[in-house]
Structures are given as structure tokens and as C-alpha cells.
Amino acid sequence: MSSKVPLPPPGFDELSNDEQIEYIGQLWNCIPSQPEDAPVPDWHMELVEERLARYEKDGMEGTPLEEFEKELFELLMKG
């Protein structure tokens, strides 16, 4: 991504965390709301195709949500 605006923009680092989040939220709201207006990078489509092919080959795999939540909670509690 080439940008003419310095990253982060001037003054961003001086904002509090809450102000930075609000700023980013306001920027996000400036992005076109129609999905067809937002280009999809080739690498996104490649990843989707790869995952779809894996699903079609192997079916569903993974951890049930309840088990994942329990493991995540335990990990977070260890700090």
C-alpha cells in the first residue's frame, strides 16, 4: 500500500488510547459501505479458495466453540 499520508498521521501518537480508537472508527466509517466498492486483494481470494478446497477435501475440523472459550479463558487467567 502506498500512502501519501504519514503513518501514523501527525498527532495520532499524542492521542489517548480511547481517542485513537475513536479516530480509527471515524476513518473506518469513511470506507465505502457497499461491498462491491471495496476491492478484494488477490491474496484474500487465494486464501478463501485454499480454505474452501481444504473444507471440501477434509470436511469440518476444529474445536467446538464452548471448548475454545474455556481454553481461551484459562489462558487469559494465567496472564
C-alpha atoms as a PDB file:
ATOM      1  CA  MET A   1       0.000   0.000   0.000  1.00  0.00           C
ATOM      2  CA  SER A   2       1.494   3.314  -0.973  1.00  0.00           C
ATOM      3  CA  SER A   3       0.400   6.254   1.122  1.00  0.00           C
ATOM      4  CA  LYS A   4       0.942   9.969   0.842  1.00  0.00           C
ATOM      5  CA  VAL A   5      -0.187  10.385   4.445  1.00  0.00           C
ATOM      6  CA  PRO A   6       2.485   9.564   7.023  1.00  0.00           C
ATOM      7  CA  LEU A   7       1.677   6.597   9.231  1.00  0.00           C
ATOM      8  CA  PRO A   8       0.640   7.228  11.866  1.00  0.00           C
ATOM      9  CA  PRO A   9      -0.742  10.628  10.892  1.00  0.00           C
ATOM     10  CA  PRO A  10       0.656  13.670  12.710  1.00  0.00           C
ATOM     11  CA  GLY A  11      -0.688  13.974  16.242  1.00  0.00           C
ATOM     12  CA  PHE A  12      -2.011  10.397  16.410  1.00  0.00           C
ATOM     13  CA  ASP A  13       0.577   9.254  18.966  1.00  0.00           C
ATOM     14  CA  GLU A  14      -0.380  12.124  21.268  1.00  0.00           C
ATOM     15  CA  LEU A  15      -3.997  10.920  21.482  1.00  0.00           C
ATOM     16  CA  SER A  16      -5.132   8.716  24.352  1.00  0.00           C
ATOM     17  CA  ASN A  17      -5.962   5.081  23.550  1.00  0.00           C
ATOM     18  CA  ASP A  18      -9.681   5.915  23.621  1.00  0.00           C
ATOM     19  CA  GLU A  19      -9.141   8.847  21.255  1.00  0.00           C
ATOM     20  CA  GLN A  20      -7.046   6.689  18.911  1.00  0.00           C
ATOM     21  CA  ILE A  21      -9.799   4.065  18.791  1.00  0.00           C
ATOM     22  CA  GLU A  22     -12.428   6.724  18.126  1.00  0.00           C
ATOM     23  CA  TYR A  23     -10.235   8.216  15.377  1.00  0.00           C
ATOM     24  CA  ILE A  24      -9.823   4.830  13.704  1.00  0.00           C
ATOM     25  CA  GLY A  25     -13.563   4.221  13.990  1.00  0.00           C
ATOM     26  CA  GLN A  26     -14.261   7.504  12.242  1.00  0.00           C
ATOM     27  CA  LEU A  27     -11.792   6.590   9.489  1.00  0.00           C
ATOM     28  CA  TRP A  28     -13.461   3.191   9.141  1.00  0.00           C
ATOM     29  CA  ASN A  29     -16.812   4.891   8.628  1.00  0.00           C
ATOM     30  CA  CYS A  30     -15.320   6.763   5.646  1.00  0.00           C
ATOM     31  CA  ILE A  31     -14.747   3.491   3.767  1.00  0.00           C
ATOM     32  CA  PRO A  32     -17.410   2.720   1.157  1.00  0.00           C
ATOM     33  CA  SER A  33     -20.325   0.824   2.655  1.00  0.00           C
ATOM     34  CA  GLN A  34     -21.090  -1.161  -0.495  1.00  0.00           C
ATOM     35  CA  PRO A  35     -19.016  -4.368  -0.666  1.00  0.00           C
ATOM     36  CA  GLU A  36     -18.638  -4.048  -4.431  1.00  0.00           C
ATOM     37  CA  ASP A  37     -16.952  -0.661  -3.884  1.00  0.00           C
ATOM     38  CA  ALA A  38     -14.146  -2.210  -1.841  1.00  0.00           C
ATOM     39  CA  PRO A  39     -11.591  -4.154  -3.873  1.00  0.00           C
ATOM     40  CA  VAL A  40     -10.635  -7.642  -2.689  1.00  0.00           C
ATOM     41  CA  PRO A  41      -6.883  -8.299  -2.893  1.00  0.00           C
ATOM     42  CA  ASP A  42      -5.838 -11.368  -4.879  1.00  0.00           C
ATOM     43  CA  TRP A  43      -4.243 -12.912  -1.792  1.00  0.00           C
ATOM     44  CA  HIS A  44      -7.619 -12.799   0.010  1.00  0.00           C
ATOM     45  CA  MET A  45      -9.251 -14.768  -2.793  1.00  0.00           C
ATOM     46  CA  GLU A  46      -6.355 -17.235  -2.861  1.00  0.00           C
ATOM     47  CA  LEU A  47      -6.774 -17.831   0.874  1.00  0.00           C
ATOM     48  CA  VAL A  48     -10.539 -18.331   0.508  1.00  0.00           C
ATOM     49  CA  GLU A  49     -10.016 -20.792  -2.353  1.00  0.00           C
ATOM     50  CA  GLU A  50      -7.386 -22.689  -0.338  1.00  0.00           C
ATOM     51  CA  ARG A  51      -9.646 -22.960   2.695  1.00  0.00           C
ATOM     52  CA  LEU A  52     -12.653 -23.957   0.601  1.00  0.00           C
ATOM     53  CA  ALA A  53     -10.600 -26.694  -1.084  1.00  0.00           C
ATOM     54  CA  ARG A  54      -9.426 -27.942   2.336  1.00  0.00           C
ATOM     55  CA  TYR A  55     -13.025 -27.966   3.595  1.00  0.00           C
ATOM     56  CA  GLU A  56     -14.235 -29.846   0.511  1.00  0.00           C
ATOM     57  CA  LYS A  57     -11.431 -32.410   0.961  1.00  0.00           C
ATOM     58  CA  ASP A  58     -11.460 -32.887   4.747  1.00  0.00           C
ATOM     59  CA  GLY A  59     -14.855 -31.608   5.861  1.00  0.00           C
ATOM     60  CA  MET A  60     -15.305 -29.719   9.101  1.00  0.00           C
ATOM     61  CA  GLU A  61     -12.499 -29.726  11.594  1.00  0.00           C
ATOM     62  CA  GLY A  62     -11.707 -27.630  14.587  1.00  0.00           C
ATOM     63  CA  THR A  63     -12.598 -27.102  18.211  1.00  0.00           C
ATOM     64  CA  PRO A  64     -16.178 -26.672  19.442  1.00  0.00           C
ATOM     65  CA  LEU A  65     -16.878 -23.087  20.498  1.00  0.00           C
ATOM     66  CA  GLU A  66     -17.511 -23.998  24.131  1.00  0.00           C
ATOM     67  CA  GLU A  67     -14.172 -25.820  24.373  1.00  0.00           C
ATOM     68  CA  PHE A  68     -12.343 -22.943  22.666  1.00  0.00           C
ATOM     69  CA  GLU A  69     -13.916 -20.389  25.025  1.00  0.00           C
ATOM     70  CA  LYS A  70     -12.925 -22.473  28.052  1.00  0.00           C
ATOM     71  CA  GLU A  71      -9.328 -22.840  26.845  1.00  0.00           C
ATOM     72  CA  LEU A  72      -9.113 -19.128  25.995  1.00  0.00           C
ATOM     73  CA  PHE A  73     -10.494 -18.114  29.389  1.00  0.00           C
ATOM     74  CA  GLU A  74      -7.990 -20.376  31.162  1.00  0.00           C
ATOM     75  CA  LEU A  75      -5.144 -18.964  29.084  1.00  0.00           C
ATOM     76  CA  LEU A  76      -6.192 -15.385  29.827  1.00  0.00           C
ATOM     77  CA  MET A  77      -6.489 -16.103  33.548  1.00  0.00           C
ATOM     78  CA  LYS A  78      -2.873 -17.324  33.611  1.00  0.00           C
ATOM     79  CA  GLY A  79      -1.993 -13.824  32.404  1.00  0.00           C
END
